[in-house]
N, C-alpha and C. Protein backbone atom coordinates (compact mmCIF):
# COMPACT_ATOMS: atom_id res chain seq x y z
N UNK A 1 -47.84 5.14 5.53
CA UNK A 1 -46.38 5.28 4.59
C UNK A 1 -46.36 6.45 3.59
N UNK A 2 -45.53 7.56 3.77
CA UNK A 2 -45.47 8.16 2.99
C UNK A 2 -45.16 8.11 1.73
N UNK A 3 -45.51 8.78 0.72
CA UNK A 3 -45.10 8.29 -0.88
C UNK A 3 -43.28 9.18 -0.60
N UNK A 4 -42.34 8.31 -1.84
CA UNK A 4 -41.45 8.41 -1.42
C UNK A 4 -41.22 9.61 -2.69
N UNK A 5 -40.21 10.77 -2.85
CA UNK A 5 -40.32 11.87 -3.99
C UNK A 5 -39.56 11.44 -4.55
N UNK A 6 -39.36 11.89 -5.41
CA UNK A 6 -38.08 11.70 -6.74
C UNK A 6 -37.22 12.21 -6.60
N UNK A 7 -35.69 12.22 -7.01
CA UNK A 7 -34.57 12.73 -6.96
C UNK A 7 -34.84 14.30 -7.59
N UNK A 8 -34.28 15.05 -7.27
CA UNK A 8 -34.70 16.46 -8.13
C UNK A 8 -33.80 16.78 -9.00
N UNK A 9 -32.62 16.65 -8.69
CA UNK A 9 -31.49 16.64 -9.75
C UNK A 9 -31.65 15.50 -10.85
N UNK A 10 -31.91 14.70 -10.76
CA UNK A 10 -32.15 13.50 -11.71
C UNK A 10 -32.96 13.63 -12.80
N UNK A 11 -34.38 14.46 -12.04
CA UNK A 11 -35.49 15.28 -12.93
C UNK A 11 -35.33 16.16 -13.87
N UNK A 12 -34.16 16.51 -13.68
CA UNK A 12 -33.34 17.88 -14.41
C UNK A 12 -32.19 17.30 -15.42
N UNK A 13 -32.11 15.97 -15.08
CA UNK A 13 -30.61 16.02 -15.89
C UNK A 13 -31.01 14.42 -16.78
N UNK A 14 -31.93 13.79 -16.52
CA UNK A 14 -32.59 12.69 -17.20
C UNK A 14 -33.99 12.74 -18.10
N UNK A 15 -34.09 11.86 -19.43
CA UNK A 15 -35.54 12.22 -19.76
C UNK A 15 -36.24 10.59 -20.09
N UNK A 16 -36.91 9.79 -19.91
CA UNK A 16 -37.42 8.73 -20.13
C UNK A 16 -38.02 8.76 -21.75
N UNK A 17 -37.27 7.66 -22.30
CA UNK A 17 -37.96 7.49 -23.77
C UNK A 17 -39.59 6.77 -23.83
N UNK A 18 -40.20 6.75 -24.72
CA UNK A 18 -41.53 5.72 -24.92
C UNK A 18 -41.03 4.46 -24.86
N UNK A 19 -39.90 4.07 -25.32
CA UNK A 19 -39.60 2.55 -24.89
C UNK A 19 -38.92 2.28 -23.52
N UNK A 20 -38.88 3.21 -22.94
CA UNK A 20 -38.47 2.84 -21.21
C UNK A 20 -36.46 3.02 -21.17
N UNK A 21 -36.13 3.44 -22.30
CA UNK A 21 -34.67 3.78 -22.06
C UNK A 21 -34.38 5.25 -21.68
N UNK A 22 -33.13 5.60 -20.90
CA UNK A 22 -33.04 6.76 -20.31
C UNK A 22 -31.85 7.58 -21.17
N UNK A 23 -32.66 8.83 -21.73
CA UNK A 23 -31.77 9.73 -22.28
C UNK A 23 -31.00 10.69 -21.02
N UNK A 24 -29.97 11.38 -21.87
CA UNK A 24 -28.91 12.16 -21.05
C UNK A 24 -27.84 13.14 -21.98
N UNK A 25 -27.73 13.84 -21.28
CA UNK A 25 -26.90 14.73 -22.23
C UNK A 25 -25.44 14.79 -21.47
N UNK A 26 -24.51 14.99 -22.68
CA UNK A 26 -23.22 14.48 -22.41
C UNK A 26 -22.22 15.06 -21.69
N UNK A 27 -21.35 15.05 -21.24
CA UNK A 27 -20.26 15.56 -20.36
C UNK A 27 -19.28 16.26 -21.27
N UNK A 28 -18.50 17.30 -20.58
CA UNK A 28 -17.49 18.14 -21.02
C UNK A 28 -17.75 19.05 -22.35
N UNK A 29 -18.83 19.57 -22.57
CA UNK A 29 -19.23 20.15 -23.66
C UNK A 29 -19.46 21.89 -23.15
N UNK A 30 -19.31 21.88 -21.78
CA UNK A 30 -19.73 23.20 -21.35
C UNK A 30 -18.64 24.51 -20.96
N UNK A 31 -17.61 24.48 -21.29
CA UNK A 31 -16.28 25.15 -21.28
C UNK A 31 -15.04 24.50 -21.23
N UNK A 32 -14.01 25.52 -21.88
CA UNK A 32 -12.77 25.28 -22.16
C UNK A 32 -13.04 24.54 -23.41
N UNK A 33 -13.44 25.20 -24.46
CA UNK A 33 -14.14 24.48 -25.79
C UNK A 33 -12.98 24.89 -26.86
N UNK A 34 -12.30 25.96 -26.59
CA UNK A 34 -11.31 26.34 -27.52
C UNK A 34 -10.26 25.41 -28.20
N UNK A 35 -10.18 24.20 -27.26
CA UNK A 35 -9.33 23.29 -27.67
C UNK A 35 -9.65 21.89 -28.07
N UNK A 36 -10.67 21.98 -28.11
CA UNK A 36 -11.69 21.26 -28.71
C UNK A 36 -12.09 21.08 -29.95
N UNK A 37 -12.12 20.63 -30.82
CA UNK A 37 -12.36 20.41 -32.50
C UNK A 37 -14.18 20.29 -32.46
N UNK A 38 -14.53 21.10 -33.63
CA UNK A 38 -15.80 21.43 -33.87
C UNK A 38 -16.40 20.27 -33.82
N UNK A 39 -16.08 19.27 -34.51
CA UNK A 39 -16.67 17.99 -34.72
C UNK A 39 -16.91 17.41 -33.48
N UNK A 40 -16.07 17.49 -32.42
CA UNK A 40 -16.32 16.78 -31.04
C UNK A 40 -17.38 17.85 -30.33
N UNK A 41 -17.34 19.02 -30.36
CA UNK A 41 -18.42 19.56 -30.27
C UNK A 41 -19.37 19.36 -30.45
N UNK A 42 -19.81 19.08 -32.07
CA UNK A 42 -21.49 18.71 -32.15
C UNK A 42 -22.11 18.00 -31.69
N UNK A 43 -20.67 16.72 -31.66
CA UNK A 43 -21.11 15.48 -30.77
C UNK A 43 -21.69 15.36 -29.61
N UNK A 44 -21.10 16.38 -28.50
CA UNK A 44 -21.22 16.85 -27.53
C UNK A 44 -22.32 17.32 -26.78
N UNK A 45 -23.27 17.52 -28.20
CA UNK A 45 -24.35 18.59 -28.14
C UNK A 45 -25.64 17.15 -28.34
N UNK A 46 -25.42 16.45 -28.48
CA UNK A 46 -26.47 15.36 -28.89
C UNK A 46 -26.39 14.68 -27.91
N UNK A 47 -28.13 13.95 -27.72
CA UNK A 47 -28.14 13.25 -26.21
C UNK A 47 -27.78 12.20 -26.67
N UNK A 48 -27.00 11.71 -24.91
CA UNK A 48 -26.83 10.35 -25.24
C UNK A 48 -27.92 9.17 -24.51
N UNK A 49 -27.35 7.82 -24.46
CA UNK A 49 -28.33 7.11 -23.79
C UNK A 49 -27.43 6.71 -22.29
N UNK A 50 -28.01 6.30 -21.37
CA UNK A 50 -27.82 6.08 -20.13
C UNK A 50 -27.50 4.43 -20.38
N UNK A 51 -26.02 3.84 -19.81
CA UNK A 51 -25.73 2.80 -20.14
C UNK A 51 -26.29 1.62 -19.34
N UNK A 52 -26.55 0.52 -19.86
CA UNK A 52 -27.65 -0.63 -19.16
C UNK A 52 -26.93 -0.95 -17.84
N UNK A 53 -26.12 -0.64 -16.98
CA UNK A 53 -25.43 -0.74 -15.74
C UNK A 53 -25.70 0.48 -15.18
N UNK A 54 -26.28 1.50 -15.52
CA UNK A 54 -26.36 2.61 -14.51
C UNK A 54 -28.27 2.88 -14.66
N UNK A 55 -28.97 2.01 -15.64
CA UNK A 55 -30.33 2.14 -15.78
C UNK A 55 -30.81 1.95 -14.62
N UNK A 56 -31.00 0.74 -13.76
CA UNK A 56 -31.78 0.42 -12.64
C UNK A 56 -32.11 1.70 -11.56
N UNK A 57 -30.46 2.49 -11.35
CA UNK A 57 -30.55 3.30 -10.60
C UNK A 57 -31.23 4.65 -10.69
N UNK A 58 -30.90 4.66 -12.14
CA UNK A 58 -31.35 6.53 -12.64
C UNK A 58 -32.77 5.93 -12.48
N UNK A 59 -33.73 4.76 -13.23
CA UNK A 59 -34.85 4.64 -13.25
C UNK A 59 -35.53 5.25 -11.96
N UNK A 60 -34.61 4.07 -10.87
CA UNK A 60 -35.43 4.15 -9.38
C UNK A 60 -35.40 6.15 -8.92
N UNK A 61 -34.53 6.60 -9.44
CA UNK A 61 -34.21 8.08 -8.74
C UNK A 61 -35.33 9.00 -9.59
N UNK A 62 -35.65 8.63 -10.43
CA UNK A 62 -36.81 9.08 -11.47
C UNK A 62 -38.23 8.60 -10.80
N UNK A 63 -38.43 7.53 -10.85
CA UNK A 63 -40.06 7.01 -10.27
C UNK A 63 -40.17 6.62 -9.14
N UNK A 64 -38.81 7.17 -8.18
CA UNK A 64 -39.34 6.82 -6.43
C UNK A 64 -40.66 7.60 -5.96
């Protein structure tokens, strides 16, 4: 039986931490930034964590 490949899009979007959690970029930080506050822009640049309810699916995409 052949090995199953990881999802290419997931490899580009998520990073595993040492403790097994998954980092992700925040949405809404790419365009139409003029009406968003500078504080909000700084927050959007920071990495977020994948929600626990989505963790199983994301790990499966990365480790397949």
